[in-house]
Amino acid sequence: MTAPVRHAVFLDRDGTLITERHYLADPEGVELVEGAVEALKALRAAGFLLVVVTNQGGIAKGLYSIGDYNRVAERLDRMLLDNGVPLDATRFCPHHIDAGLPCSCRKPATGMHTELAESLGIDLSRSWFVGDKLSDTLPAETLGGRAVLVRSGYGSTWADRVPPDVAVVDDLSAAARFILAAEGSVDR
């Protein structure tokens, strides 16, 4: 087997890609953050796979069902597809430690990331991890990639607590610009 050569941007969903809605269960609540489509298109044009990894602890807590999650995910997928930027994959963790369900997939654990790396041939050390919580960025430390915290969603509450090698930017648009500049894909 050859070494993976693809790189990806691992995106958190709520507060990063879509507007934060506490325990979103209604597909009508899906709203892309401003500039999301353009940011994803720019990342795709630079050769990145676009994958969503999302903690959905509300399922374990009984606040919504897997069916509710699936309807929200389907709406997001449709919105992105209609805008010409489909995701390459999505993974979710339905567990939550408060519900007595520890696991290896709930971020900052890396189970979702490593499974996607294996199935899609992703080189994790060449990938980026973007989200609005510390748990979204910590997998980069473990897996060797680079991380960006966005201040949207809950990000402003985490901005002063991230490790020094984690970039902090306003939103997904700024994260895409930062990633592309760091990769040499755009003029600095």
Protein backbone atom coordinates (compact mmCIF):
# COMPACT_ATOMS: atom_id res chain seq x y z
CA MET A 1 0.00 0.00 0.00
CA THR A 2 1.33 3.44 -0.92
CA ALA A 3 1.48 6.31 1.55
CA PRO A 4 -1.47 8.70 1.50
CA VAL A 5 -0.91 11.77 -0.63
CA ARG A 6 -4.18 13.62 -0.22
CA HIS A 7 -4.67 16.41 2.24
CA ALA A 8 -7.90 17.55 3.82
CA VAL A 9 -9.51 20.28 5.83
CA PHE A 10 -11.34 18.69 8.76
CA LEU A 11 -14.20 21.07 9.52
CA ASP A 12 -16.35 21.25 12.60
CA ARG A 13 -20.00 21.76 11.69
CA ASP A 14 -21.86 23.85 14.28
CA GLY A 15 -20.42 27.31 14.83
CA THR A 16 -17.85 26.82 12.08
CA LEU A 17 -19.59 25.81 8.87
CA ILE A 18 -23.14 26.62 9.96
CA THR A 19 -24.50 29.11 12.46
CA GLU A 20 -24.37 27.78 16.02
CA ARG A 21 -27.76 26.59 17.24
CA HIS A 22 -27.55 24.90 20.61
CA TYR A 23 -28.34 21.19 19.96
CA LEU A 24 -29.66 21.67 16.44
CA ALA A 25 -32.38 19.14 15.61
CA ASP A 26 -34.47 21.01 13.05
CA PRO A 27 -33.21 21.10 9.45
CA GLU A 28 -34.85 24.52 9.03
CA GLY A 29 -32.24 25.86 11.47
CA VAL A 30 -29.36 25.10 9.10
CA GLU A 31 -27.80 28.37 7.99
CA LEU A 32 -24.37 28.51 6.37
CA VAL A 33 -22.04 31.02 7.98
CA GLU A 34 -21.36 34.03 5.80
CA GLY A 35 -18.73 33.25 3.19
CA ALA A 36 -18.77 29.48 3.77
CA VAL A 37 -19.43 28.55 0.15
CA GLU A 38 -16.64 30.76 -1.19
CA ALA A 39 -14.23 29.52 1.49
CA LEU A 40 -14.96 25.88 0.67
CA LYS A 41 -14.64 26.49 -3.05
CA ALA A 42 -11.23 28.11 -2.55
CA LEU A 43 -10.03 25.21 -0.40
CA ARG A 44 -11.33 22.69 -2.94
CA ALA A 45 -9.62 24.57 -5.78
CA ALA A 46 -6.35 24.29 -3.84
CA GLY A 47 -6.74 20.50 -3.79
CA PHE A 48 -8.07 19.90 -0.30
CA LEU A 49 -10.64 17.27 0.50
CA LEU A 50 -13.46 18.78 2.55
CA VAL A 51 -14.64 16.66 5.44
CA VAL A 52 -16.88 17.41 8.40
CA VAL A 53 -16.23 15.86 11.79
CA THR A 54 -18.83 16.80 14.37
CA ASN A 55 -19.61 15.92 17.97
CA GLN A 56 -23.34 15.35 18.41
CA GLY A 57 -23.64 14.65 22.12
CA GLY A 58 -27.27 15.72 22.10
CA ILE A 59 -28.06 12.27 20.71
CA ALA A 60 -26.58 10.53 23.78
CA LYS A 61 -28.32 13.03 26.05
CA GLY A 62 -31.68 12.24 24.41
CA LEU A 63 -32.16 15.80 23.14
CA TYR A 64 -32.60 14.67 19.55
CA SER A 65 -32.45 11.43 17.59
CA ILE A 66 -30.07 10.08 14.98
CA GLY A 67 -32.94 10.65 12.53
CA ASP A 68 -33.02 14.33 13.52
CA TYR A 69 -29.24 14.53 13.06
CA ASN A 70 -29.52 12.87 9.63
CA ARG A 71 -32.18 15.35 8.47
CA VAL A 72 -29.98 18.28 9.50
CA ALA A 73 -26.95 16.70 7.79
CA GLU A 74 -28.97 16.05 4.62
CA ARG A 75 -30.07 19.68 4.50
CA LEU A 76 -26.48 20.87 4.89
CA ASP A 77 -25.30 18.47 2.19
CA ARG A 78 -28.06 19.67 -0.16
CA MET A 79 -27.25 23.34 0.47
CA LEU A 80 -23.57 22.78 -0.30
CA LEU A 81 -24.30 20.62 -3.34
CA ASP A 82 -26.71 23.26 -4.68
CA ASN A 83 -23.87 25.79 -4.34
CA GLY A 84 -21.42 23.57 -6.22
CA VAL A 85 -19.25 22.51 -3.29
CA PRO A 86 -20.18 19.03 -2.03
CA LEU A 87 -18.41 17.57 0.98
CA ASP A 88 -16.14 14.58 0.48
CA ALA A 89 -17.33 12.97 3.72
CA THR A 90 -19.03 13.60 7.03
CA ARG A 91 -18.61 11.73 10.31
CA PHE A 92 -20.38 12.35 13.60
CA CYS A 93 -19.93 11.15 17.15
CA PRO A 94 -23.26 10.47 18.90
CA HIS A 95 -21.64 9.87 22.29
CA HIS A 96 -21.17 12.06 25.34
CA ILE A 97 -19.23 11.39 28.52
CA ASP A 98 -22.03 12.99 30.59
CA ALA A 99 -24.34 10.26 29.29
CA GLY A 100 -21.89 7.54 30.31
CA LEU A 101 -20.77 6.89 26.75
CA PRO A 102 -17.01 7.44 26.48
CA CYS A 103 -15.58 6.60 23.09
CA SER A 104 -12.63 7.01 20.78
CA CYS A 105 -14.47 9.23 18.31
CA ARG A 106 -15.64 12.25 20.32
CA LYS A 107 -13.30 15.16 19.63
CA PRO A 108 -10.66 15.80 20.82
CA ALA A 109 -10.26 12.03 20.36
CA THR A 110 -9.17 11.21 16.82
CA GLY A 111 -11.26 8.21 15.86
CA MET A 112 -13.29 10.02 13.21
CA HIS A 113 -10.16 11.58 11.73
CA THR A 114 -8.17 8.35 11.52
CA GLU A 115 -11.10 6.46 10.02
CA LEU A 116 -11.49 9.13 7.34
CA ALA A 117 -7.75 9.16 6.71
CA GLU A 118 -7.79 5.42 6.11
CA SER A 119 -10.91 5.39 3.93
CA LEU A 120 -9.99 8.46 1.83
CA GLY A 121 -6.19 8.16 1.77
CA ILE A 122 -5.60 11.37 3.71
CA ASP A 123 -2.17 12.36 4.96
CA LEU A 124 -3.10 13.73 8.39
CA SER A 125 0.24 15.52 8.81
CA ARG A 126 -0.55 17.63 5.72
CA SER A 127 -4.11 18.36 6.81
CA TRP A 128 -5.83 21.20 8.67
CA PHE A 129 -8.27 21.07 11.56
CA VAL A 130 -10.75 23.96 11.79
CA GLY A 131 -13.36 24.60 14.45
CA ASP A 132 -14.80 26.89 17.08
CA LYS A 133 -13.74 24.88 20.13
CA LEU A 134 -10.46 23.69 21.56
CA SER A 135 -11.65 20.10 21.05
CA ASP A 136 -11.78 20.79 17.28
CA THR A 137 -8.16 21.93 17.15
CA LEU A 138 -6.47 19.46 19.52
CA PRO A 139 -6.50 16.56 17.02
CA ALA A 140 -3.86 18.48 15.04
CA GLU A 141 -1.43 18.07 17.97
CA THR A 142 -2.02 14.33 18.09
CA LEU A 143 -2.11 13.72 14.35
CA GLY A 144 0.59 16.14 13.21
CA GLY A 145 -1.53 18.56 11.20
CA ARG A 146 -2.17 22.25 11.71
CA ALA A 147 -5.13 23.91 13.40
CA VAL A 148 -7.21 27.04 13.10
CA LEU A 149 -9.74 28.21 15.69
CA VAL A 150 -12.54 30.39 14.35
CA ARG A 151 -14.07 33.00 16.66
CA SER A 152 -17.55 32.29 15.26
CA GLY A 153 -19.81 30.00 17.28
CA TYR A 154 -18.11 29.41 20.63
CA GLY A 155 -14.68 30.36 19.33
CA SER A 156 -14.39 33.72 21.04
CA THR A 157 -14.60 31.97 24.43
CA TRP A 158 -11.71 29.66 23.49
CA ALA A 159 -9.46 32.12 21.65
CA ASP A 160 -7.20 32.84 24.63
CA ARG A 161 -6.89 29.17 25.61
CA VAL A 162 -5.54 27.56 22.45
CA PRO A 163 -1.91 26.41 22.18
CA PRO A 164 0.43 28.97 20.61
CA ASP A 165 0.72 27.04 17.33
CA VAL A 166 -3.04 27.27 16.71
CA ALA A 167 -4.05 30.19 14.50
CA VAL A 168 -7.06 32.20 15.65
CA VAL A 169 -9.15 33.95 13.01
CA ASP A 170 -12.61 35.48 12.80
CA ASP A 171 -14.50 32.94 10.71
CA LEU A 172 -14.34 30.22 8.07
CA SER A 173 -13.53 32.73 5.31
CA ALA A 174 -10.53 33.98 7.27
CA ALA A 175 -9.52 30.39 8.04
CA ALA A 176 -9.52 29.54 4.33
CA ARG A 177 -7.40 32.59 3.55
CA PHE A 178 -4.97 31.69 6.34
CA ILE A 179 -4.68 28.06 5.18
CA LEU A 180 -4.16 29.04 1.55
CA ALA A 181 -1.51 31.60 2.48
CA ALA A 182 0.27 29.08 4.71
CA GLU A 183 0.20 26.55 1.90
CA GLY A 184 1.52 29.10 -0.59
CA SER A 185 -1.70 28.92 -2.63
CA VAL A 186 -2.30 32.66 -2.52
CA ASP A 187 -0.21 35.78 -2.31
CA ARG A 188 0.42 36.79 1.28
